[in-house]
């Protein structure tokens, strides 16, 4: 790779695998990637992060790109709901949950929706208790809310998420073969939103 020009190195990386591409990983100037994008050699996924155009996009491709820039971010809400098949809604940007007090992801060219949460809700050491799982996407380990946590979060943020999306997600979740009411209720209590969800869930399950 050392004998390749920046353009050749980028072309090789874009063709070789579906791993996300950054200038620092290839030891090329950042402007070389911008030039390669204009030439159609790569596609920009997030600021400074690119992917070869031959590779199919994953529902969490953008989340993976943002994870490279913000390793502690968690993909959640509509982004996670799309990933888990809990909604047909359009994301209109990547939805990320970050710790209050951290530097939030920002971009003028890649839509990103940032939810700042209490540190304990996104503490990596408490992922199992908080309903956060990991998925490998384009060579990046992405933290994403699991199906139960995703539904619960859609109910936790009514000012950010339309009520219809939360209802559809809950209805789809309780219809899933791996849904367990007790586990869901335990997590909803942990997230302090069970009182809001319980009557709706019970109404759905008794129909």
Protein backbone atom coordinates (compact mmCIF):
# COMPACT_ATOMS: atom_id res chain seq x y z
CA UNK A 1 0.00 0.00 0.00
CA UNK A 2 2.95 2.36 0.63
CA UNK A 3 3.83 2.34 -3.09
CA UNK A 4 0.32 3.36 -4.11
CA UNK A 5 -0.72 6.94 -4.78
CA UNK A 6 -3.50 8.33 -2.53
CA UNK A 7 -6.04 7.81 -5.33
CA UNK A 8 -4.87 4.22 -5.88
CA UNK A 9 -4.91 3.47 -2.14
CA UNK A 10 -8.48 4.77 -1.87
CA UNK A 11 -9.58 2.81 -4.95
CA UNK A 12 -8.02 -0.36 -3.55
CA UNK A 13 -9.72 0.10 -0.16
CA UNK A 14 -13.08 0.86 -1.81
CA UNK A 15 -12.91 -2.30 -3.94
CA UNK A 16 -11.33 -4.67 -1.42
CA UNK A 17 -13.98 -4.79 1.30
CA UNK A 18 -17.04 -3.13 2.76
CA UNK A 19 -15.08 -1.63 5.65
CA UNK A 20 -15.55 2.07 6.21
CA UNK A 21 -12.73 4.27 4.96
CA UNK A 22 -11.01 7.20 6.69
CA UNK A 23 -7.99 9.21 5.61
CA UNK A 24 -6.03 8.34 8.75
CA UNK A 25 -6.56 4.62 8.19
CA UNK A 26 -5.04 4.83 4.70
CA UNK A 27 -2.44 7.46 5.57
CA UNK A 28 -3.69 9.75 2.81
CA UNK A 29 -4.68 13.43 2.93
CA UNK A 30 -8.31 14.06 3.77
CA UNK A 31 -8.75 16.09 0.59
CA UNK A 32 -7.89 12.97 -1.42
CA UNK A 33 -11.03 11.27 -0.14
CA UNK A 34 -13.10 14.35 -0.95
CA UNK A 35 -11.69 14.25 -4.49
CA UNK A 36 -12.37 10.51 -4.72
CA UNK A 37 -15.98 11.11 -3.69
CA UNK A 38 -16.45 13.67 -6.45
CA UNK A 39 -15.03 11.14 -8.89
CA UNK A 40 -17.45 8.46 -7.70
CA UNK A 41 -14.73 6.24 -6.23
CA UNK A 42 -16.27 6.38 -2.74
CA UNK A 43 -19.47 7.61 -1.15
CA UNK A 44 -19.53 9.76 1.96
CA UNK A 45 -21.42 8.21 4.86
CA UNK A 46 -20.60 10.76 7.57
CA UNK A 47 -18.08 13.60 7.79
CA UNK A 48 -14.66 12.10 7.05
CA UNK A 49 -16.02 8.56 6.68
CA UNK A 50 -16.57 6.86 3.32
CA UNK A 51 -17.62 3.55 1.75
CA UNK A 52 -16.99 1.98 -1.62
CA UNK A 53 -20.09 2.38 -3.87
CA UNK A 54 -20.19 -1.33 -4.75
CA UNK A 55 -21.10 -2.35 -1.22
CA UNK A 56 -24.74 -2.50 -0.04
CA UNK A 57 -25.79 -0.24 2.80
CA UNK A 58 -26.84 -1.72 6.14
CA UNK A 59 -29.60 -0.17 8.25
CA UNK A 60 -26.80 0.82 10.65
CA UNK A 61 -24.23 1.99 8.10
CA UNK A 62 -24.53 5.64 9.11
CA UNK A 63 -24.51 4.68 12.80
CA UNK A 64 -21.29 2.74 12.21
CA UNK A 65 -19.71 5.79 10.60
CA UNK A 66 -20.69 8.00 13.51
CA UNK A 67 -19.39 5.37 15.95
CA UNK A 68 -15.93 5.80 14.45
CA UNK A 69 -16.12 9.47 15.42
CA UNK A 70 -17.99 8.96 18.71
CA UNK A 71 -17.24 5.47 20.07
CA UNK A 72 -19.55 5.76 23.09
CA UNK A 73 -22.63 6.76 21.09
CA UNK A 74 -25.58 4.36 20.97
CA UNK A 75 -27.81 3.98 17.92
CA UNK A 76 -31.39 4.23 19.13
CA UNK A 77 -34.97 5.37 18.60
CA UNK A 78 -35.99 5.46 14.92
CA UNK A 79 -32.59 4.23 13.69
CA UNK A 80 -32.77 1.20 15.99
CA UNK A 81 -36.47 0.71 15.20
CA UNK A 82 -35.69 0.49 11.47
CA UNK A 83 -32.86 -1.95 12.20
CA UNK A 84 -35.15 -4.19 14.27
CA UNK A 85 -38.09 -3.94 11.85
CA UNK A 86 -40.24 -2.13 14.41
CA UNK A 87 -41.23 0.74 12.12
CA UNK A 88 -41.62 1.68 8.47
CA UNK A 89 -40.95 5.33 9.25
CA UNK A 90 -38.18 7.29 7.54
CA UNK A 91 -35.26 8.07 9.85
CA UNK A 92 -34.62 11.59 8.55
CA UNK A 93 -31.13 11.34 9.98
CA UNK A 94 -29.22 8.95 12.21
CA UNK A 95 -30.57 8.84 15.76
CA UNK A 96 -27.86 8.59 18.39
CA UNK A 97 -27.98 8.58 22.19
CA UNK A 98 -25.01 10.15 23.96
CA UNK A 99 -24.15 10.94 27.54
CA UNK A 100 -25.10 14.38 28.85
CA UNK A 101 -21.96 16.47 29.03
CA UNK A 102 -20.19 14.73 26.15
CA UNK A 103 -19.48 16.43 22.84
CA UNK A 104 -22.50 15.63 20.66
CA UNK A 105 -22.13 14.58 17.01
CA UNK A 106 -22.71 17.47 14.63
CA UNK A 107 -22.76 17.84 10.87
CA UNK A 108 -24.01 20.27 8.26
CA UNK A 109 -24.07 17.64 5.53
CA UNK A 110 -25.06 14.35 7.23
CA UNK A 111 -28.36 14.53 9.16
CA UNK A 112 -27.94 13.35 12.74
CA UNK A 113 -30.46 13.43 15.59
CA UNK A 114 -28.80 13.48 18.99
CA UNK A 115 -30.50 12.60 22.28
CA UNK A 116 -28.52 13.44 25.39
CA UNK A 117 -29.27 11.00 28.20
CA UNK A 118 -28.23 10.55 31.81
CA UNK A 119 -24.82 8.83 32.00
CA UNK A 120 -26.22 5.67 33.58
CA UNK A 121 -28.49 5.10 30.57
CA UNK A 122 -25.54 4.75 28.18
CA UNK A 123 -22.82 3.51 30.53
CA UNK A 124 -20.98 0.81 28.58
CA UNK A 125 -20.50 -1.21 31.78
CA UNK A 126 -24.28 -1.42 32.18
CA UNK A 127 -25.21 -2.32 28.61
CA UNK A 128 -26.79 -5.64 29.58
CA UNK A 129 -29.02 -4.00 32.20
CA UNK A 130 -29.84 -1.07 29.93
CA UNK A 131 -30.92 -3.10 26.91
CA UNK A 132 -27.96 -2.24 24.70
CA UNK A 133 -26.39 -4.80 22.38
CA UNK A 134 -23.54 -4.73 19.87
CA UNK A 135 -23.60 -5.42 16.13
CA UNK A 136 -20.64 -5.45 13.75
CA UNK A 137 -21.27 -3.30 10.69
CA UNK A 138 -18.64 -2.56 8.04
CA UNK A 139 -15.92 -3.67 10.45
CA UNK A 140 -17.18 -1.39 13.24
CA UNK A 141 -18.65 -2.59 16.52
CA UNK A 142 -21.86 -0.56 16.85
CA UNK A 143 -23.79 -0.21 20.09
CA UNK A 144 -27.53 -0.27 19.44
CA UNK A 145 -30.56 -0.49 21.68
CA UNK A 146 -32.17 -3.93 21.63
CA UNK A 147 -35.82 -4.34 20.54
CA UNK A 148 -37.26 -3.87 24.05
CA UNK A 149 -35.13 -0.81 24.85
CA UNK A 150 -35.91 0.64 21.43
CA UNK A 151 -39.66 0.48 22.01
CA UNK A 152 -39.28 1.85 25.52
CA UNK A 153 -37.20 4.79 24.28
CA UNK A 154 -39.81 5.61 21.64
CA UNK A 155 -42.24 6.02 24.54
CA UNK A 156 -39.75 7.94 26.69
CA UNK A 157 -39.39 10.79 24.19
CA UNK A 158 -42.91 11.78 23.07
CA UNK A 159 -41.73 15.24 22.03
CA UNK A 160 -39.25 13.74 19.60
CA UNK A 161 -41.15 10.73 18.27
CA UNK A 162 -44.68 10.68 16.87
CA UNK A 163 -47.07 8.68 18.99
CA UNK A 164 -48.06 6.52 16.03
CA UNK A 165 -44.47 5.31 15.63
CA UNK A 166 -44.36 4.32 19.31
CA UNK A 167 -47.68 2.48 19.03
CA UNK A 168 -46.67 0.57 15.90
CA UNK A 169 -43.34 -0.41 17.45
CA UNK A 170 -45.03 -1.68 20.62
CA UNK A 171 -47.59 -3.64 18.62
CA UNK A 172 -44.89 -5.27 16.50
CA UNK A 173 -42.74 -6.03 19.52
CA UNK A 174 -45.41 -7.83 21.50
CA UNK A 175 -46.19 -9.91 18.40
CA UNK A 176 -42.59 -11.13 18.11
CA UNK A 177 -41.81 -14.74 19.01
CA UNK A 178 -39.04 -13.70 21.41
CA UNK A 179 -41.14 -11.17 23.35
CA UNK A 180 -41.43 -11.76 27.09
CA UNK A 181 -43.73 -9.46 29.04
CA UNK A 182 -41.85 -9.86 32.31
CA UNK A 183 -38.49 -8.93 30.79
CA UNK A 184 -39.99 -5.99 28.94
CA UNK A 185 -41.75 -4.72 32.05
CA UNK A 186 -38.55 -5.06 34.09
CA UNK A 187 -36.61 -2.93 31.64
CA UNK A 188 -39.45 -0.40 31.32
CA UNK A 189 -39.47 0.03 35.11
CA UNK A 190 -35.71 0.40 35.07
CA UNK A 191 -36.11 3.12 32.43
CA UNK A 192 -38.91 4.71 34.50
CA UNK A 193 -41.58 4.56 31.78
CA UNK A 194 -43.56 1.42 32.64
CA UNK A 195 -46.53 3.34 34.06
CA UNK A 196 -47.02 5.03 30.70
CA UNK A 197 -46.69 1.87 28.63
CA UNK A 198 -48.45 -0.69 30.85
CA UNK A 199 -52.11 0.20 30.14
CA UNK A 200 -51.49 0.37 26.40
CA UNK A 201 -49.63 -2.93 26.35
CA UNK A 202 -52.31 -4.65 28.39
CA UNK A 203 -55.00 -3.31 26.06
CA UNK A 204 -53.14 -4.65 23.03
CA UNK A 205 -52.61 -8.08 24.57
CA UNK A 206 -56.24 -8.54 25.57
CA UNK A 207 -57.65 -7.87 22.12
